[in-house]
């Protein structure tokens, strides 16, 4: 109640910037991969107290610092 417009605004602008979600999975559940114009944007939430190594099904890897929402890209 009262946040629907804010959530819709957030998603519309996030999808415009990063592209559409893909079905690429990872070894941790708190991830998403978006693709736009050949560029993949990987988003990972690490709520833990230690760095989190993450591996995606398409071969991309990264280590996300503790208590961080990390983002990295690959592609042209």
C-alpha atoms as a PDB file:
ATOM      1  CA  UNK A   1       0.000   0.000   0.000  1.00  0.00           C
ATOM      2  CA  UNK A   2       1.549   3.229  -1.160  1.00  0.00           C
ATOM      3  CA  UNK A   3       4.743   1.782  -2.685  1.00  0.00           C
ATOM      4  CA  UNK A   4       3.426   0.419  -5.975  1.00  0.00           C
ATOM      5  CA  UNK A   5       4.360   3.526  -7.977  1.00  0.00           C
ATOM      6  CA  UNK A   6       7.851   3.627  -6.453  1.00  0.00           C
ATOM      7  CA  UNK A   7       8.495  -0.051  -7.218  1.00  0.00           C
ATOM      8  CA  UNK A   8       7.181   0.324 -10.769  1.00  0.00           C
ATOM      9  CA  UNK A   9       9.367   3.408 -11.321  1.00  0.00           C
ATOM     10  CA  UNK A  10      12.413   1.535 -10.003  1.00  0.00           C
ATOM     11  CA  UNK A  11      11.897  -1.499 -12.265  1.00  0.00           C
ATOM     12  CA  UNK A  12      11.100   0.520 -15.391  1.00  0.00           C
ATOM     13  CA  UNK A  13      14.323   2.507 -15.031  1.00  0.00           C
ATOM     14  CA  UNK A  14      16.421  -0.522 -14.045  1.00  0.00           C
ATOM     15  CA  UNK A  15      15.192  -2.493 -17.064  1.00  0.00           C
ATOM     16  CA  UNK A  16      15.807   0.498 -19.325  1.00  0.00           C
ATOM     17  CA  UNK A  17      19.405   0.735 -18.096  1.00  0.00           C
ATOM     18  CA  UNK A  18      20.365  -2.959 -17.767  1.00  0.00           C
ATOM     19  CA  UNK A  19      18.040  -4.708 -20.214  1.00  0.00           C
ATOM     20  CA  UNK A  20      15.865  -7.775 -19.755  1.00  0.00           C
ATOM     21  CA  UNK A  21      16.449 -10.509 -17.157  1.00  0.00           C
ATOM     22  CA  UNK A  22      18.071 -13.676 -18.466  1.00  0.00           C
ATOM     23  CA  UNK A  23      17.771 -17.277 -17.269  1.00  0.00           C
ATOM     24  CA  UNK A  24      21.477 -17.492 -16.319  1.00  0.00           C
ATOM     25  CA  UNK A  25      21.808 -19.101 -12.900  1.00  0.00           C
ATOM     26  CA  UNK A  26      24.590 -18.983 -10.310  1.00  0.00           C
ATOM     27  CA  UNK A  27      25.911 -20.964  -7.374  1.00  0.00           C
ATOM     28  CA  UNK A  28      24.161 -18.609  -4.920  1.00  0.00           C
ATOM     29  CA  UNK A  29      20.460 -17.669  -4.924  1.00  0.00           C
ATOM     30  CA  UNK A  30      20.729 -13.886  -4.544  1.00  0.00           C
ATOM     31  CA  UNK A  31      21.727 -13.086  -8.138  1.00  0.00           C
ATOM     32  CA  UNK A  32      20.231 -11.750 -11.351  1.00  0.00           C
ATOM     33  CA  UNK A  33      21.650 -11.306 -14.838  1.00  0.00           C
ATOM     34  CA  UNK A  34      20.296  -8.747 -17.293  1.00  0.00           C
ATOM     35  CA  UNK A  35      21.218  -8.322 -20.971  1.00  0.00           C
ATOM     36  CA  UNK A  36      21.037  -5.315 -23.276  1.00  0.00           C
ATOM     37  CA  UNK A  37      22.816  -4.771 -26.615  1.00  0.00           C
ATOM     38  CA  UNK A  38      25.178  -7.694 -26.017  1.00  0.00           C
ATOM     39  CA  UNK A  39      26.227  -6.488 -22.552  1.00  0.00           C
ATOM     40  CA  UNK A  40      25.386  -8.680 -19.553  1.00  0.00           C
ATOM     41  CA  UNK A  41      24.993  -7.014 -16.163  1.00  0.00           C
ATOM     42  CA  UNK A  42      25.450  -9.354 -13.202  1.00  0.00           C
ATOM     43  CA  UNK A  43      23.930  -8.319  -9.882  1.00  0.00           C
ATOM     44  CA  UNK A  44      24.742 -10.143  -6.638  1.00  0.00           C
ATOM     45  CA  UNK A  45      23.596  -9.468  -3.074  1.00  0.00           C
ATOM     46  CA  UNK A  46      26.021 -10.640  -0.370  1.00  0.00           C
ATOM     47  CA  UNK A  47      24.433 -10.157   3.056  1.00  0.00           C
ATOM     48  CA  UNK A  48      27.172 -12.183   4.787  1.00  0.00           C
ATOM     49  CA  UNK A  49      30.191 -11.143   6.817  1.00  0.00           C
ATOM     50  CA  UNK A  50      32.790 -12.500   4.375  1.00  0.00           C
ATOM     51  CA  UNK A  51      33.511 -12.026   0.658  1.00  0.00           C
ATOM     52  CA  UNK A  52      31.357 -14.249  -1.531  1.00  0.00           C
ATOM     53  CA  UNK A  53      32.822 -15.978  -4.593  1.00  0.00           C
ATOM     54  CA  UNK A  54      30.083 -16.383  -7.186  1.00  0.00           C
ATOM     55  CA  UNK A  55      30.120 -18.434 -10.391  1.00  0.00           C
ATOM     56  CA  UNK A  56      27.504 -18.072 -13.104  1.00  0.00           C
ATOM     57  CA  UNK A  57      26.374 -20.803 -15.490  1.00  0.00           C
ATOM     58  CA  UNK A  58      27.766 -18.861 -18.474  1.00  0.00           C
ATOM     59  CA  UNK A  59      31.294 -18.936 -16.995  1.00  0.00           C
ATOM     60  CA  UNK A  60      31.391 -15.442 -15.445  1.00  0.00           C
ATOM     61  CA  UNK A  61      32.893 -15.266 -11.955  1.00  0.00           C
ATOM     62  CA  UNK A  62      33.514 -12.583  -9.366  1.00  0.00           C
ATOM     63  CA  UNK A  63      33.952 -12.135  -5.625  1.00  0.00           C
ATOM     64  CA  UNK A  64      31.489  -9.776  -3.955  1.00  0.00           C
ATOM     65  CA  UNK A  65      32.564  -8.008  -0.744  1.00  0.00           C
ATOM     66  CA  UNK A  66      30.658  -8.631   2.485  1.00  0.00           C
ATOM     67  CA  UNK A  67      27.379  -6.766   3.026  1.00  0.00           C
ATOM     68  CA  UNK A  68      27.361  -5.456  -0.536  1.00  0.00           C
ATOM     69  CA  UNK A  69      25.083  -5.317  -3.546  1.00  0.00           C
ATOM     70  CA  UNK A  70      27.663  -5.944  -6.258  1.00  0.00           C
ATOM     71  CA  UNK A  71      27.362  -5.336  -9.990  1.00  0.00           C
ATOM     72  CA  UNK A  72      29.698  -6.126 -12.864  1.00  0.00           C
ATOM     73  CA  UNK A  73      29.362  -6.374 -16.620  1.00  0.00           C
ATOM     74  CA  UNK A  74      30.713  -8.392 -19.538  1.00  0.00           C
ATOM     75  CA  UNK A  75      30.427  -7.979 -23.265  1.00  0.00           C
ATOM     76  CA  UNK A  76      31.163  -5.321 -25.843  1.00  0.00           C
END
